[in-house]
Amino acid sequence: MCEALPTTRPQWLQALRDLPATPNKIPAFFFAHGSPMLAWPTAIAPRAGAFASVHKQMGPEGPLAQFLHDFGPALIEKYNPRAIVVFSAHWESPRNQILGKNASYCRLRFTSNSYTSVTDYGEQNPLLFDYYGFPEELYDLKFESKGDSSVTGEVLAALQKAGIPSRATPVTEARGADGRGFDGPGLDHGVFVPFGIMFGEKLQIPLVQVSIDGTLDPAREWALGKAIASLRSQQILVLSGGLTYHNLRSMTAFVEGAANSAQKEFHQAILTALQIEDLEKRQKAMYDLTRHPGFRPSHPREDHFVPLYVAAGAGEEGDVKILSATYGTITAAFGV
């Protein structure tokens, strides 16, 4: 067990410095991707109510933004990756199909022909502003990056070798609704918002996004990560973004001081599980987290939590190092 987990800037800077420089086998990372609030200028941010307290914690001057600002450059400097493969809580593989609908209902059923999507966007990755009701400034954000068909091919080959159905998604194919009023392709805000802080407005290396398993089942997410683990030995940085607290029905609890006892105990349970050295015991403890009494108060839906399992699967062999233990925004390296 760690004697003192990093919750302050000096502590997480030391944790980042302590990561071994292993460019030939880069760890896989689960990181707190935040929300559009990270880019919400303080000058126009809410000054009262729940949003105001959350903005102080999760906005551009809060601890998460400070951590991401340190996290990105450390990854590039330490590992010099040739590409980044990223998973986000905001892109799930399709798992339902419409059988029929009329004016009063729409019937859905599980379909076995689901597939994992991998972007193949070419020379410029578009951005999908997949959020609504924010100030106009948040729809003018800039983040430039490029795809790479060869990297997409490497991801597809790894997934298919593991028996996971997958396909490339071209820039001509819409993947979701955009808050600007249309359906489109693109990297979602779980990627471009934190990456803009981590890497600046332009990323110099190729970036490919992969959808998480639409069942949101921890074992299937773990298997998804494990399927692409070999990419880590090919100088590819694997990042999986989500949040360890995400309950929009209880906005104030994004701030630890306003969280209830179950939510705080769940946060501690995550940290405890990640620090278990034995792989089999750690995996069981991590799976058990979704049955913790504080899980549902922290995650009414699993989508923001299960990217943790993708990173854990991708870095299954090796140690886990907690880089930030801040409440609700844990970041950890797997396969160290």
Protein backbone atom coordinates (compact mmCIF):
# COMPACT_ATOMS: atom_id res chain seq x y z
CA MET A 1 0.00 0.00 0.00
CA CYS A 2 1.13 3.56 -0.69
CA GLU A 3 1.87 5.60 2.42
CA ALA A 4 0.54 8.82 0.92
CA LEU A 5 -1.49 8.88 -2.25
CA PRO A 6 -1.16 11.96 -4.49
CA THR A 7 -3.86 14.55 -3.99
CA THR A 8 -1.81 17.76 -4.27
CA ARG A 9 0.25 19.13 -7.15
CA PRO A 10 3.66 18.41 -5.55
CA GLN A 11 2.52 14.85 -4.86
CA TRP A 12 1.22 14.08 -8.35
CA LEU A 13 4.24 15.71 -9.97
CA GLN A 14 6.40 13.34 -7.96
CA ALA A 15 4.20 10.40 -8.95
CA LEU A 16 4.60 11.35 -12.62
CA ARG A 17 8.37 11.68 -12.22
CA ASP A 18 8.49 8.25 -10.58
CA LEU A 19 6.89 6.51 -13.56
CA PRO A 20 9.56 4.36 -15.22
CA ALA A 21 10.60 5.52 -18.68
CA THR A 22 9.63 2.46 -20.72
CA PRO A 23 8.93 3.64 -24.28
CA ASN A 24 9.12 0.06 -25.53
CA LYS A 25 6.26 -0.95 -23.24
CA ILE A 26 4.19 2.09 -22.32
CA PRO A 27 1.76 1.70 -19.40
CA ALA A 28 -1.96 1.97 -20.10
CA PHE A 29 -3.70 4.83 -18.33
CA PHE A 30 -7.14 5.44 -16.94
CA PHE A 31 -7.56 9.19 -16.65
CA ALA A 32 -10.25 11.55 -15.42
CA HIS A 33 -11.48 13.26 -18.58
CA GLY A 34 -13.61 15.84 -16.79
CA SER A 35 -16.41 17.61 -18.63
CA PRO A 36 -16.95 20.70 -20.82
CA MET A 37 -16.68 22.62 -17.56
CA LEU A 38 -12.89 22.26 -17.89
CA ALA A 39 -13.08 24.74 -20.75
CA TRP A 40 -15.75 27.00 -19.26
CA PRO A 41 -14.07 30.40 -18.84
CA THR A 42 -14.14 31.63 -15.26
CA ALA A 43 -15.25 35.08 -16.40
CA ILE A 44 -18.60 33.71 -17.59
CA ALA A 45 -18.97 30.80 -15.17
CA PRO A 46 -21.89 30.55 -12.73
CA ARG A 47 -21.21 32.46 -9.52
CA ALA A 48 -23.84 30.83 -7.32
CA GLY A 49 -25.53 27.48 -6.87
CA ALA A 50 -24.37 23.92 -7.52
CA PHE A 51 -22.64 24.73 -10.80
CA ALA A 52 -20.52 27.39 -9.11
CA SER A 53 -19.07 25.01 -6.53
CA VAL A 54 -18.49 22.31 -9.12
CA HIS A 55 -16.85 24.79 -11.50
CA LYS A 56 -14.35 25.72 -8.80
CA GLN A 57 -13.36 22.05 -8.55
CA MET A 58 -13.78 20.91 -12.17
CA GLY A 59 -13.26 24.14 -14.12
CA PRO A 60 -10.14 25.51 -15.85
CA GLU A 61 -8.59 26.68 -12.58
CA GLY A 62 -9.44 23.59 -10.53
CA PRO A 63 -7.23 20.68 -9.48
CA LEU A 64 -8.29 18.40 -12.35
CA ALA A 65 -7.27 20.98 -14.98
CA GLN A 66 -3.98 21.48 -13.13
CA PHE A 67 -3.36 17.74 -13.12
CA LEU A 68 -4.16 17.32 -16.82
CA HIS A 69 -1.83 20.22 -17.63
CA ASP A 70 0.98 18.26 -15.96
CA PHE A 71 -0.12 14.81 -17.09
CA GLY A 72 -0.01 15.27 -20.88
CA PRO A 73 3.52 16.69 -21.22
CA ALA A 74 4.84 14.05 -18.82
CA LEU A 75 3.48 11.27 -21.05
CA ILE A 76 5.03 12.71 -24.20
CA GLU A 77 8.38 13.40 -22.56
CA LYS A 78 8.65 10.03 -20.81
CA TYR A 79 7.35 7.72 -23.55
CA ASN A 80 7.71 9.61 -26.86
CA PRO A 81 4.77 7.66 -28.35
CA ARG A 82 4.31 7.43 -32.10
CA ALA A 83 0.51 7.46 -31.73
CA ILE A 84 -2.30 7.59 -29.18
CA VAL A 85 -5.24 5.21 -28.97
CA VAL A 86 -7.99 6.58 -26.75
CA PHE A 87 -11.23 5.22 -25.29
CA SER A 88 -13.92 7.52 -23.90
CA ALA A 89 -16.98 7.09 -21.73
CA HIS A 90 -18.88 8.96 -24.43
CA TRP A 91 -18.57 6.42 -27.24
CA GLU A 92 -20.17 3.02 -26.80
CA SER A 93 -20.30 0.22 -29.35
CA PRO A 94 -23.82 -0.27 -30.69
CA ARG A 95 -25.63 -3.09 -28.98
CA ASN A 96 -29.30 -2.46 -29.79
CA GLN A 97 -31.25 -2.45 -32.98
CA ILE A 98 -34.74 -1.13 -33.65
CA LEU A 99 -37.25 -3.86 -34.48
CA GLY A 100 -40.20 -1.58 -34.96
CA LYS A 101 -41.82 1.60 -33.76
CA ASN A 102 -45.00 3.57 -33.94
CA ALA A 103 -46.30 6.74 -32.38
CA SER A 104 -46.21 5.32 -28.86
CA TYR A 105 -43.22 3.01 -28.55
CA CYS A 106 -39.88 1.86 -29.88
CA ARG A 107 -38.89 -1.76 -29.21
CA LEU A 108 -35.22 -2.58 -28.78
CA ARG A 109 -33.43 -5.89 -28.37
CA PHE A 110 -29.86 -6.98 -27.78
CA THR A 111 -28.08 -7.96 -30.97
CA SER A 112 -25.09 -10.28 -31.15
CA ASN A 113 -23.61 -8.55 -34.19
CA SER A 114 -22.35 -5.57 -32.20
CA TYR A 115 -18.93 -4.29 -33.16
CA THR A 116 -16.21 -2.07 -31.78
CA SER A 117 -15.69 1.09 -33.82
CA VAL A 118 -12.27 2.55 -34.57
CA THR A 119 -11.90 6.00 -36.13
CA ASP A 120 -10.23 6.36 -39.51
CA TYR A 121 -10.60 10.09 -40.04
CA GLY A 122 -7.56 10.87 -42.15
CA GLU A 123 -5.57 14.09 -42.03
CA GLN A 124 -7.90 15.93 -39.65
CA ASN A 125 -9.94 14.50 -36.81
CA PRO A 126 -13.23 16.44 -36.58
CA LEU A 127 -14.70 17.32 -33.20
CA LEU A 128 -18.13 16.18 -32.04
CA PHE A 129 -19.56 18.75 -29.63
CA ASP A 130 -21.77 16.17 -27.98
CA TYR A 131 -23.15 18.40 -25.23
CA TYR A 132 -26.01 20.85 -24.91
CA GLY A 133 -26.95 24.02 -23.07
CA PHE A 134 -23.47 25.40 -22.51
CA PRO A 135 -22.28 28.94 -23.37
CA GLU A 136 -21.49 29.66 -27.00
CA GLU A 137 -17.78 29.86 -26.22
CA LEU A 138 -17.73 26.13 -25.49
CA TYR A 139 -18.76 25.38 -29.08
CA ASP A 140 -15.79 27.31 -30.45
CA LEU A 141 -13.11 25.15 -28.81
CA LYS A 142 -10.14 24.18 -30.97
CA PHE A 143 -8.15 20.96 -30.90
CA GLU A 144 -6.27 19.83 -33.99
CA SER A 145 -5.16 16.26 -34.52
CA LYS A 146 -4.85 13.75 -37.32
CA GLY A 147 -5.77 10.12 -37.71
CA ASP A 148 -3.64 7.42 -39.29
CA SER A 149 -5.09 4.54 -41.28
CA SER A 150 -2.13 2.32 -40.43
CA VAL A 151 -2.71 2.81 -36.70
CA THR A 152 -6.42 2.14 -37.20
CA GLY A 153 -5.40 -1.05 -39.00
CA GLU A 154 -3.18 -2.11 -36.09
CA VAL A 155 -6.05 -1.65 -33.65
CA LEU A 156 -8.45 -3.58 -35.87
CA ALA A 157 -5.96 -6.41 -36.31
CA ALA A 158 -5.46 -6.70 -32.55
CA LEU A 159 -9.20 -6.70 -31.87
CA GLN A 160 -9.95 -9.23 -34.57
CA LYS A 161 -7.13 -11.50 -33.36
CA ALA A 162 -8.86 -11.51 -29.97
CA GLY A 163 -12.19 -12.39 -31.61
CA ILE A 164 -13.77 -8.97 -31.04
CA PRO A 165 -15.84 -7.83 -34.07
CA SER A 166 -14.67 -4.41 -35.16
CA ARG A 167 -14.77 -1.97 -38.03
CA ALA A 168 -13.25 1.32 -39.10
CA THR A 169 -15.44 4.42 -38.93
CA PRO A 170 -14.73 6.93 -41.74
CA VAL A 171 -15.14 10.68 -41.52
CA THR A 172 -18.21 10.43 -43.76
CA GLU A 173 -20.08 8.44 -41.12
CA ALA A 174 -21.95 10.26 -38.34
CA ARG A 175 -21.49 8.77 -34.89
CA GLY A 176 -23.71 11.01 -32.81
CA ALA A 177 -25.64 14.21 -32.26
CA ASP A 178 -23.73 17.49 -32.12
CA GLY A 179 -24.89 20.31 -29.84
CA ARG A 180 -24.64 22.69 -32.78
CA GLY A 181 -27.70 21.06 -34.32
CA PHE A 182 -26.60 18.18 -36.57
CA ASP A 183 -25.34 14.61 -36.52
CA GLY A 184 -21.68 14.16 -37.29
CA PRO A 185 -18.45 12.23 -36.87
CA GLY A 186 -15.60 13.24 -34.60
CA LEU A 187 -13.74 12.92 -31.35
CA ASP A 188 -16.15 13.49 -28.46
CA HIS A 189 -15.70 15.94 -25.61
CA GLY A 190 -14.27 13.20 -23.40
CA VAL A 191 -11.26 13.40 -25.71
CA PHE A 192 -10.87 16.90 -27.12
CA VAL A 193 -11.65 18.83 -23.93
CA PRO A 194 -9.01 17.16 -21.71
CA PHE A 195 -6.57 16.71 -24.60
CA GLY A 196 -6.67 20.44 -25.26
CA ILE A 197 -5.31 20.91 -21.75
CA MET A 198 -2.92 17.97 -21.89
CA PHE A 199 -1.41 18.59 -25.33
CA GLY A 200 -2.41 22.11 -26.35
CA GLU A 201 -4.52 23.07 -29.34
CA LYS A 202 -2.53 20.86 -31.73
CA LEU A 203 -1.36 17.29 -31.21
CA GLN A 204 1.62 16.35 -33.32
CA ILE A 205 1.19 12.55 -33.35
CA PRO A 206 -1.70 10.49 -34.79
CA LEU A 207 -4.77 9.98 -32.62
CA VAL A 208 -7.32 7.19 -33.04
CA GLN A 209 -10.44 6.72 -30.90
CA VAL A 210 -12.00 3.34 -30.09
CA SER A 211 -15.49 2.76 -28.70
CA ILE A 212 -15.98 1.00 -25.38
CA ASP A 213 -18.12 -2.15 -25.20
CA GLY A 214 -21.77 -1.15 -25.28
CA THR A 215 -22.80 -3.72 -22.67
CA LEU A 216 -20.80 -1.73 -20.08
CA ASP A 217 -19.90 -5.08 -18.51
CA PRO A 218 -16.62 -4.88 -16.55
CA ALA A 219 -15.34 -8.25 -17.81
CA ARG A 220 -16.01 -7.33 -21.43
CA GLU A 221 -14.34 -3.94 -21.01
CA TRP A 222 -11.33 -5.67 -19.43
CA ALA A 223 -11.18 -8.08 -22.38
CA LEU A 224 -11.39 -5.15 -24.81
CA GLY A 225 -8.37 -3.53 -23.18
CA LYS A 226 -6.48 -6.82 -23.05
CA ALA A 227 -7.07 -7.30 -26.77
CA ILE A 228 -5.06 -4.18 -27.63
CA ALA A 229 -2.39 -4.59 -24.94
CA SER A 230 0.22 -5.54 -27.54
CA LEU A 231 0.07 -2.01 -28.97
CA ARG A 232 1.85 -0.79 -25.86
CA SER A 233 4.98 -2.55 -27.09
CA GLN A 234 4.64 -0.80 -30.45
CA GLN A 235 5.17 2.71 -29.02
CA ILE A 236 1.45 3.39 -28.87
CA LEU A 237 0.05 5.20 -25.83
CA VAL A 238 -3.28 3.75 -24.64
CA LEU A 239 -5.52 6.15 -22.70
CA SER A 240 -8.99 5.37 -21.37
CA GLY A 241 -11.06 8.27 -20.09
CA GLY A 242 -13.93 8.45 -17.64
CA LEU A 243 -14.61 9.60 -14.09
CA THR A 244 -14.68 7.81 -10.76
CA TYR A 245 -17.65 9.98 -9.75
CA HIS A 246 -20.34 10.87 -12.27
CA ASN A 247 -23.84 11.54 -11.00
CA LEU A 248 -25.48 14.49 -12.70
CA ARG A 249 -28.49 14.07 -10.42
CA SER A 250 -26.25 15.00 -7.51
CA MET A 251 -24.06 17.73 -8.96
CA THR A 252 -22.81 19.08 -5.65
CA ALA A 253 -21.25 15.72 -4.82
CA PHE A 254 -18.62 16.29 -7.51
CA VAL A 255 -17.05 18.21 -4.62
CA GLU A 256 -15.83 15.89 -1.87
CA GLY A 257 -17.10 18.10 0.93
CA ALA A 258 -20.67 17.71 -0.35
CA ALA A 259 -20.48 13.95 -1.00
CA ASN A 260 -22.32 11.57 1.28
CA SER A 261 -20.67 8.79 3.26
CA ALA A 262 -21.46 6.08 0.70
CA GLN A 263 -19.89 8.11 -2.11
CA LYS A 264 -16.76 8.81 -0.05
CA GLU A 265 -16.48 5.16 0.97
CA PHE A 266 -16.77 4.13 -2.68
CA HIS A 267 -13.88 6.45 -3.57
CA GLN A 268 -11.74 4.81 -0.89
CA ALA A 269 -12.79 1.35 -2.09
CA ILE A 270 -11.52 2.16 -5.59
CA LEU A 271 -8.14 3.24 -4.22
CA THR A 272 -7.92 0.11 -2.06
CA ALA A 273 -8.73 -2.20 -4.99
CA LEU A 274 -6.16 -0.56 -7.27
CA GLN A 275 -3.41 -1.04 -4.70
CA ILE A 276 -3.82 -4.83 -4.42
CA GLU A 277 -0.62 -6.36 -5.78
CA ASP A 278 -1.91 -9.82 -6.73
CA LEU A 279 -3.56 -9.63 -10.17
CA GLU A 280 -6.32 -12.16 -9.52
CA LYS A 281 -7.27 -10.54 -6.21
CA ARG A 282 -7.07 -7.04 -7.70
CA GLN A 283 -9.28 -8.01 -10.62
CA LYS A 284 -11.90 -9.51 -8.29
CA ALA A 285 -11.82 -6.44 -6.05
CA MET A 286 -12.22 -4.17 -9.08
CA TYR A 287 -15.16 -6.19 -10.39
CA ASP A 288 -16.74 -6.07 -6.93
CA LEU A 289 -16.69 -2.26 -7.03
CA THR A 290 -19.87 -2.25 -9.13
CA ARG A 291 -21.62 -3.98 -6.21
CA HIS A 292 -20.35 -1.55 -3.59
CA PRO A 293 -23.15 0.33 -1.75
CA GLY A 294 -21.66 3.60 -2.96
CA PHE A 295 -21.51 2.63 -6.63
CA ARG A 296 -25.03 3.62 -7.70
CA PRO A 297 -25.01 6.88 -5.71
CA SER A 298 -21.80 7.68 -7.60
CA HIS A 299 -22.76 6.19 -10.97
CA PRO A 300 -26.46 5.90 -11.86
CA ARG A 301 -25.17 4.49 -15.16
CA GLU A 302 -21.89 2.59 -15.60
CA ASP A 303 -20.58 4.44 -18.65
CA HIS A 304 -18.11 6.76 -16.92
CA PHE A 305 -16.74 4.09 -14.61
CA VAL A 306 -16.13 1.14 -16.93
CA PRO A 307 -13.28 2.78 -18.94
CA LEU A 308 -11.27 1.94 -15.81
CA TYR A 309 -11.54 -1.73 -16.80
CA VAL A 310 -10.34 -1.05 -20.34
CA ALA A 311 -7.11 0.43 -18.99
CA ALA A 312 -6.78 -2.37 -16.43
CA GLY A 313 -7.10 -4.98 -19.16
CA ALA A 314 -4.62 -3.21 -21.42
CA GLY A 315 -2.11 -3.11 -18.55
CA GLU A 316 -3.07 -6.39 -16.93
CA GLU A 317 0.50 -7.62 -16.53
CA GLY A 318 2.46 -5.42 -14.19
CA ASP A 319 1.88 -3.07 -11.29
CA VAL A 320 -0.64 -0.28 -10.83
CA LYS A 321 0.47 3.21 -9.89
CA ILE A 322 -2.03 5.81 -8.73
CA LEU A 323 -1.08 9.18 -10.18
CA SER A 324 -3.92 11.21 -8.71
CA ALA A 325 -6.12 10.10 -5.84
CA THR A 326 -8.27 13.23 -5.88
CA TYR A 327 -11.90 12.50 -5.05
CA GLY A 328 -13.95 11.64 -8.13
CA THR A 329 -11.07 12.12 -10.57
CA ILE A 330 -8.69 9.23 -9.92
CA THR A 331 -6.02 8.65 -12.56
CA ALA A 332 -3.92 5.48 -12.61
CA ALA A 333 -1.26 3.74 -14.69
CA PHE A 334 -1.57 0.01 -15.38
CA GLY A 335 1.22 -2.32 -16.47
CA VAL A 336 3.98 -0.30 -14.83
